[in-house]
Amino acid sequence: MARLTLFDGRNFQDRRLQIRRRGLAIRNMSAIRFDNDLSSFRLRRGNAANATLVLFSQANYQGSFRVFRGNTAIANLSNFNFNNRTSSLIFILRNLTDAQIRNIQSNARAPRGIAEIRR
């Protein structure tokens, strides 16, 4: 089982939200009271390296995006010019290509087979 932990402070500090699922799409981060608050995160997927996390700067999987794959710990999203900029995200236990991500954006739909939080 994969685990994604989101933090609203840098260096894995302050308020956190832990997600343990096979995949999750959050159409609007305000639904979980994390809109434009994400500053650091940890993604752990056991020994498999095929998990993908896509952070979007706008709700409904729109705007600019950053992609992180495999077991990842990002202590400061400022290093990626994405601190406090996440308004939607997709967390899935397979590799998503950039073409698949652009398709998600053009359709404003999460990939099939994962839970989605809407607002």
C-alpha atoms as a PDB file:
ATOM      1  CA  MET A   1       0.000   0.000   0.000  1.00  0.00           C
ATOM      2  CA  ALA A   2       1.278   3.437  -0.869  1.00  0.00           C
ATOM      3  CA  ARG A   3       1.391   6.356   1.516  1.00  0.00           C
ATOM      4  CA  LEU A   4       1.447  10.017   0.588  1.00  0.00           C
ATOM      5  CA  THR A   5       1.924  12.557   3.360  1.00  0.00           C
ATOM      6  CA  LEU A   6       1.312  16.232   2.589  1.00  0.00           C
ATOM      7  CA  PHE A   7       2.657  19.042   4.798  1.00  0.00           C
ATOM      8  CA  ASP A   8       1.775  22.726   4.778  1.00  0.00           C
ATOM      9  CA  GLY A   9       5.225  23.629   6.141  1.00  0.00           C
ATOM     10  CA  ARG A  10       8.661  23.167   4.687  1.00  0.00           C
ATOM     11  CA  ASN A  11      10.862  20.331   5.944  1.00  0.00           C
ATOM     12  CA  PHE A  12       7.867  18.113   6.728  1.00  0.00           C
ATOM     13  CA  GLN A  13       6.576  20.485   9.408  1.00  0.00           C
ATOM     14  CA  ASP A  14       3.251  21.887  10.592  1.00  0.00           C
ATOM     15  CA  ARG A  15      -0.131  20.562   9.527  1.00  0.00           C
ATOM     16  CA  ARG A  16      -0.095  17.240   7.692  1.00  0.00           C
ATOM     17  CA  LEU A  17      -2.487  15.017   5.827  1.00  0.00           C
ATOM     18  CA  GLN A  18      -1.745  11.344   5.235  1.00  0.00           C
ATOM     19  CA  ILE A  19      -3.278   9.447   2.321  1.00  0.00           C
ATOM     20  CA  ARG A  20      -3.097   5.640   2.202  1.00  0.00           C
ATOM     21  CA  ARG A  21      -4.719   4.437  -0.982  1.00  0.00           C
ATOM     22  CA  ARG A  22      -4.075   2.713  -4.266  1.00  0.00           C
ATOM     23  CA  GLY A  23      -4.554   6.077  -5.920  1.00  0.00           C
ATOM     24  CA  LEU A  24      -6.410   9.317  -5.372  1.00  0.00           C
ATOM     25  CA  ALA A  25      -7.277  12.372  -7.414  1.00  0.00           C
ATOM     26  CA  ILE A  26      -8.188  15.634  -5.688  1.00  0.00           C
ATOM     27  CA  ARG A  27     -10.002  17.919  -8.126  1.00  0.00           C
ATOM     28  CA  ASN A  28      -9.873  20.912  -5.793  1.00  0.00           C
ATOM     29  CA  MET A  29      -7.524  21.030  -2.810  1.00  0.00           C
ATOM     30  CA  SER A  30      -9.916  23.353  -0.971  1.00  0.00           C
ATOM     31  CA  ALA A  31     -12.100  20.248  -0.467  1.00  0.00           C
ATOM     32  CA  ILE A  32      -9.457  19.029   2.000  1.00  0.00           C
ATOM     33  CA  ARG A  33      -8.488  22.523   3.178  1.00  0.00           C
ATOM     34  CA  PHE A  34      -5.066  22.355   1.501  1.00  0.00           C
ATOM     35  CA  ASP A  35      -5.522  24.730  -1.451  1.00  0.00           C
ATOM     36  CA  ASN A  36      -2.253  26.581  -2.118  1.00  0.00           C
ATOM     37  CA  ASP A  37      -0.851  25.297   1.198  1.00  0.00           C
ATOM     38  CA  LEU A  38       1.377  22.397   0.147  1.00  0.00           C
ATOM     39  CA  SER A  39       5.065  23.032   0.956  1.00  0.00           C
ATOM     40  CA  SER A  40       6.554  19.532   1.356  1.00  0.00           C
ATOM     41  CA  PHE A  41       5.560  15.883   0.984  1.00  0.00           C
ATOM     42  CA  ARG A  42       6.683  12.279   1.300  1.00  0.00           C
ATOM     43  CA  LEU A  43       5.661   9.559  -1.108  1.00  0.00           C
ATOM     44  CA  ARG A  44       6.374   5.987  -0.096  1.00  0.00           C
ATOM     45  CA  ARG A  45       5.439   2.976  -2.150  1.00  0.00           C
ATOM     46  CA  GLY A  46       7.223   0.087  -0.462  1.00  0.00           C
ATOM     47  CA  ASN A  47       9.824  -1.392  -2.787  1.00  0.00           C
ATOM     48  CA  ALA A  48       8.075  -0.495  -6.067  1.00  0.00           C
ATOM     49  CA  ALA A  49       9.123   2.664  -7.861  1.00  0.00           C
ATOM     50  CA  ASN A  50       6.174   3.123 -10.193  1.00  0.00           C
ATOM     51  CA  ALA A  51       3.980   5.554  -8.233  1.00  0.00           C
ATOM     52  CA  THR A  52       3.332   8.983  -9.779  1.00  0.00           C
ATOM     53  CA  LEU A  53       2.311  12.211  -8.062  1.00  0.00           C
ATOM     54  CA  VAL A  54       1.241  15.125 -10.247  1.00  0.00           C
ATOM     55  CA  LEU A  55       0.713  18.539  -8.648  1.00  0.00           C
ATOM     56  CA  PHE A  56      -1.329  21.091 -10.630  1.00  0.00           C
ATOM     57  CA  SER A  57      -1.356  24.858 -10.049  1.00  0.00           C
ATOM     58  CA  GLN A  58      -5.093  25.165 -10.746  1.00  0.00           C
ATOM     59  CA  ALA A  59      -8.197  23.211  -9.781  1.00  0.00           C
ATOM     60  CA  ASN A  60      -9.584  20.555 -12.134  1.00  0.00           C
ATOM     61  CA  TYR A  61      -6.073  19.365 -13.097  1.00  0.00           C
ATOM     62  CA  GLN A  62      -5.287  22.585 -14.958  1.00  0.00           C
ATOM     63  CA  GLY A  63      -2.403  25.062 -15.070  1.00  0.00           C
ATOM     64  CA  SER A  64       1.258  24.260 -14.778  1.00  0.00           C
ATOM     65  CA  PHE A  65       2.243  20.956 -13.208  1.00  0.00           C
ATOM     66  CA  ARG A  66       5.117  19.132 -11.553  1.00  0.00           C
ATOM     67  CA  VAL A  67       5.589  15.371 -11.694  1.00  0.00           C
ATOM     68  CA  PHE A  68       7.269  13.205  -9.042  1.00  0.00           C
ATOM     69  CA  ARG A  69       7.803   9.470  -9.435  1.00  0.00           C
ATOM     70  CA  GLY A  70       8.726   6.629  -7.094  1.00  0.00           C
ATOM     71  CA  ASN A  71       9.684   6.916  -3.452  1.00  0.00           C
ATOM     72  CA  THR A  72      10.207  10.640  -3.016  1.00  0.00           C
ATOM     73  CA  ALA A  73      10.644  13.078  -0.152  1.00  0.00           C
ATOM     74  CA  ILE A  74      10.541  16.753  -1.115  1.00  0.00           C
ATOM     75  CA  ALA A  75      11.345  18.975   1.872  1.00  0.00           C
ATOM     76  CA  ASN A  76      10.812  22.268   0.067  1.00  0.00           C
ATOM     77  CA  LEU A  77       8.639  22.734  -3.003  1.00  0.00           C
ATOM     78  CA  SER A  78      10.209  26.188  -3.460  1.00  0.00           C
ATOM     79  CA  ASN A  79      13.106  24.313  -5.055  1.00  0.00           C
ATOM     80  CA  PHE A  80      10.647  23.352  -7.815  1.00  0.00           C
ATOM     81  CA  ASN A  81       8.955  26.767  -7.956  1.00  0.00           C
ATOM     82  CA  PHE A  82       5.790  25.122  -6.618  1.00  0.00           C
ATOM     83  CA  ASN A  83       5.579  26.100  -2.944  1.00  0.00           C
ATOM     84  CA  ASN A  84       1.983  26.931  -1.927  1.00  0.00           C
ATOM     85  CA  ARG A  85       0.829  26.567  -5.536  1.00  0.00           C
ATOM     86  CA  THR A  86      -0.984  23.213  -5.593  1.00  0.00           C
ATOM     87  CA  SER A  87      -4.728  23.448  -6.282  1.00  0.00           C
ATOM     88  CA  SER A  88      -5.314  19.862  -7.492  1.00  0.00           C
ATOM     89  CA  LEU A  89      -3.357  16.618  -7.608  1.00  0.00           C
ATOM     90  CA  ILE A  90      -3.287  13.071  -8.900  1.00  0.00           C
ATOM     91  CA  PHE A  91      -1.612  10.255  -6.973  1.00  0.00           C
ATOM     92  CA  ILE A  92      -1.555   6.926  -8.827  1.00  0.00           C
ATOM     93  CA  LEU A  93       0.356   3.656  -8.494  1.00  0.00           C
ATOM     94  CA  ARG A  94       1.658   3.543 -12.032  1.00  0.00           C
ATOM     95  CA  ASN A  95       3.804   5.710 -14.249  1.00  0.00           C
ATOM     96  CA  LEU A  96       1.943   8.476 -16.053  1.00  0.00           C
ATOM     97  CA  THR A  97       3.621   9.867 -19.141  1.00  0.00           C
ATOM     98  CA  ASP A  98       3.607  13.573 -19.964  1.00  0.00           C
ATOM     99  CA  ALA A  99       1.228  12.755 -22.850  1.00  0.00           C
ATOM    100  CA  GLN A 100      -1.188  11.063 -20.434  1.00  0.00           C
ATOM    101  CA  ILE A 101      -0.979  14.068 -18.103  1.00  0.00           C
ATOM    102  CA  ARG A 102      -1.753  16.455 -20.983  1.00  0.00           C
ATOM    103  CA  ASN A 103      -4.732  14.237 -21.846  1.00  0.00           C
ATOM    104  CA  ILE A 104      -5.941  14.495 -18.232  1.00  0.00           C
ATOM    105  CA  GLN A 105      -5.686  18.281 -18.523  1.00  0.00           C
ATOM    106  CA  SER A 106      -7.491  18.504 -21.856  1.00  0.00           C
ATOM    107  CA  ASN A 107     -10.366  16.330 -20.571  1.00  0.00           C
ATOM    108  CA  ALA A 108     -10.252  17.654 -16.980  1.00  0.00           C
ATOM    109  CA  ARG A 109     -10.712  14.047 -15.837  1.00  0.00           C
ATOM    110  CA  ALA A 110      -8.787  11.885 -13.443  1.00  0.00           C
ATOM    111  CA  PRO A 111      -7.495   8.517 -14.695  1.00  0.00           C
ATOM    112  CA  ARG A 112      -9.936   5.633 -14.433  1.00  0.00           C
ATOM    113  CA  GLY A 113      -9.752   3.270 -11.515  1.00  0.00           C
ATOM    114  CA  ILE A 114      -8.858   5.699  -8.719  1.00  0.00           C
ATOM    115  CA  ALA A 115     -11.002   7.520  -6.187  1.00  0.00           C
ATOM    116  CA  GLU A 116     -11.622  11.212  -6.764  1.00  0.00           C
ATOM    117  CA  ILE A 117     -12.420  13.960  -4.272  1.00  0.00           C
ATOM    118  CA  ARG A 118     -14.529  16.685  -5.855  1.00  0.00           C
ATOM    119  CA  ARG A 119     -15.836  20.004  -4.721  1.00  0.00           C
END
